[in-house]
Structures are given as C-alpha cells and as structure tokens.
Amino acid sequence: MQTLKAFLFIAIAITTTTFAKAQQFNYKLDGPFKTSKTYKVQGTCEMCKHRIENSVQSLPGMWSTYWDLSSKTLQVTYDRTKVKPAMIEKLVSAKGHDINSIGASAVVYNQLPACCQYKTKS
C-alpha cells in the first residue's frame, strides 16, 4: 500500500511538472524567430483601427496586431524569417495611413472616409 501511494505521488508530480513547463514555453509561438515591433501609425477612429490591423494580419508569419487609438501605435508580433518590417510599413501605407516616416499616397489617403482623414484633424 505504501509503495502504491509513493508511485501515485510521483506520477502526479511528474505530470504536473510536465504540463506546467509546456504552458510556459511554446516553441512554435515563442521560438527563436518571434519578434515584436512597435510602429507609429496615424489614424483617428475605430474604422482606422480595423483597417490598420487587417492590412497586415493576413501576412504569413504574422501572429498578432494591435493598434492603440490613444497612443497611435501599432504593436505587431511576427516570425522574422517570414515577415520583414518594410513589408508591414508598405501594407499599412498602402491603406492610406502614415507609418513612421513613410507617408501614404495622396490618392489613397483622399479615398479614406472623412472621419479617417487625420491630416485635416487638429
């Protein structure tokens, strides 16, 4: 009986330790190629947020995107072997939003809804 209790205790301890370590590190998501970067992106509303986040979300290797309206920053997490920062900047500016030092083309910017035209807002 004592041996059975000891065996059961050891089995539970090993199982718990294994699952705890598995939840702390996921090689696929937290592997050596995971990179996070923050960009300054101009916008004014929730429509801008949706447009900015969706412009890069479909890139292969992109794990998460979040644009904060109050700070006007885009936080992206991606696989650096599949996504390059220039790709992100190009896609966001192609949707009509200035990102870091890259400005959106006037043609695309003028096609944005009136509430999203941040250059006319003070």
Protein backbone atom coordinates (compact mmCIF):
# COMPACT_ATOMS: atom_id res chain seq x y z
CA MET A 1 0.00 0.00 0.00
CA GLN A 2 2.83 2.35 0.86
CA THR A 3 4.51 1.60 -2.49
CA LEU A 4 1.28 2.34 -4.37
CA LYS A 5 0.92 5.72 -2.65
CA ALA A 6 4.52 6.63 -3.41
CA PHE A 7 4.13 5.60 -7.07
CA LEU A 8 0.90 7.61 -7.40
CA PHE A 9 2.50 10.68 -5.80
CA ILE A 10 5.49 10.51 -8.18
CA ALA A 11 3.24 10.07 -11.22
CA ILE A 12 1.15 13.10 -10.28
CA ALA A 13 4.25 15.22 -9.59
CA ILE A 14 5.80 14.36 -12.96
CA THR A 15 2.56 15.02 -14.84
CA THR A 16 2.02 18.38 -13.13
CA THR A 17 5.60 19.49 -13.77
CA THR A 18 5.40 18.48 -17.43
CA PHE A 19 2.18 20.41 -18.05
CA ALA A 20 3.43 23.46 -16.16
CA LYS A 21 6.56 23.68 -18.31
CA ALA A 22 4.57 23.10 -21.50
CA GLN A 23 2.38 26.12 -20.76
CA GLN A 24 5.33 28.38 -20.03
CA PHE A 25 7.11 27.87 -23.34
CA ASN A 26 5.54 27.11 -26.69
CA TYR A 27 8.36 26.65 -29.21
CA LYS A 28 6.12 27.38 -32.18
CA LEU A 29 4.95 30.73 -30.81
CA ASP A 30 7.85 31.64 -28.53
CA GLY A 31 10.63 30.18 -30.65
CA PRO A 32 13.83 31.94 -31.62
CA PHE A 33 12.22 33.71 -34.60
CA LYS A 34 9.43 35.54 -32.72
CA THR A 35 9.80 39.30 -32.94
CA SER A 36 7.70 42.20 -31.67
CA LYS A 37 7.89 45.71 -33.07
CA THR A 38 6.05 48.95 -32.47
CA TYR A 39 5.24 51.48 -35.18
CA LYS A 40 3.79 54.99 -35.02
CA VAL A 41 0.71 54.93 -37.30
CA GLN A 42 -1.66 57.85 -37.90
CA GLY A 43 -5.41 57.34 -37.61
CA THR A 44 -8.45 58.76 -35.83
CA CYS A 45 -11.18 56.17 -35.20
CA GLU A 46 -12.28 52.56 -34.87
CA MET A 47 -12.56 52.24 -38.65
CA CYS A 48 -8.88 53.20 -38.87
CA LYS A 49 -8.07 50.62 -36.21
CA HIS A 50 -9.82 47.90 -38.18
CA ARG A 51 -8.15 48.94 -41.46
CA ILE A 52 -4.66 49.19 -39.95
CA GLU A 53 -4.79 45.87 -38.09
CA ASN A 54 -6.30 43.97 -41.02
CA SER A 55 -3.80 45.37 -43.52
CA VAL A 56 -1.01 43.23 -42.04
CA GLN A 57 -2.91 40.44 -40.29
CA SER A 58 -3.03 38.26 -43.41
CA LEU A 59 0.76 38.16 -43.83
CA PRO A 60 2.11 34.62 -43.40
CA GLY A 61 4.02 34.51 -40.13
CA MET A 62 2.05 37.35 -38.52
CA TRP A 63 0.84 36.30 -35.06
CA SER A 64 -0.79 39.39 -33.62
CA THR A 65 -1.56 43.02 -34.41
CA TYR A 66 -2.92 45.73 -32.14
CA TRP A 67 -3.31 49.42 -32.93
CA ASP A 68 -3.95 51.71 -29.97
CA LEU A 69 -6.04 54.78 -30.80
CA SER A 70 -4.84 56.96 -27.92
CA SER A 71 -1.10 56.45 -28.47
CA LYS A 72 -1.41 55.84 -32.24
CA THR A 73 0.98 52.88 -32.04
CA LEU A 74 0.77 49.58 -33.86
CA GLN A 75 2.19 46.62 -31.92
CA VAL A 76 2.92 43.58 -34.11
CA THR A 77 4.28 40.15 -33.26
CA TYR A 78 5.57 38.06 -36.13
CA ASP A 79 8.03 35.46 -37.39
CA ARG A 80 11.06 37.44 -38.53
CA THR A 81 12.01 34.77 -41.10
CA LYS A 82 8.71 35.31 -42.95
CA VAL A 83 7.89 38.99 -42.37
CA LYS A 84 10.15 41.99 -42.83
CA PRO A 85 9.46 45.42 -41.27
CA ALA A 86 9.42 47.02 -44.72
CA MET A 87 6.54 44.73 -45.71
CA ILE A 88 4.49 45.93 -42.73
CA GLU A 89 5.22 49.59 -43.49
CA LYS A 90 4.35 49.16 -47.17
CA LEU A 91 1.00 47.46 -46.48
CA VAL A 92 -0.13 49.99 -43.87
CA SER A 93 0.83 52.99 -46.03
CA ALA A 94 -0.95 51.36 -49.00
CA LYS A 95 -4.18 51.53 -46.96
CA GLY A 96 -3.84 55.31 -46.54
CA HIS A 97 -2.12 55.66 -43.15
CA ASP A 98 1.25 57.26 -42.43
CA ILE A 99 3.55 54.82 -40.63
CA ASN A 100 6.78 56.01 -39.01
CA SER A 101 8.42 58.19 -41.65
CA ILE A 102 6.59 56.67 -44.64
CA GLY A 103 3.64 58.71 -45.82
CA ALA A 104 0.58 57.32 -47.53
CA SER A 105 -0.03 58.32 -51.12
CA ALA A 106 -2.36 61.29 -51.56
CA VAL A 107 -4.64 59.30 -53.87
CA VAL A 108 -5.27 56.53 -51.32
CA TYR A 109 -5.48 58.97 -48.41
CA ASN A 110 -8.16 61.06 -50.18
CA GLN A 111 -10.26 57.90 -50.67
CA LEU A 112 -10.49 57.35 -46.90
CA PRO A 113 -13.82 58.21 -45.23
CA ALA A 114 -13.99 61.77 -43.90
CA CYS A 115 -13.73 60.62 -40.26
CA CYS A 116 -10.46 58.81 -41.06
CA GLN A 117 -8.67 61.73 -42.70
CA TYR A 118 -6.28 62.53 -39.87
CA LYS A 119 -4.35 65.26 -41.72
CA THR A 120 -7.39 67.55 -41.62
CA LYS A 121 -7.96 66.98 -37.89
CA SER A 122 -6.22 69.26 -35.40
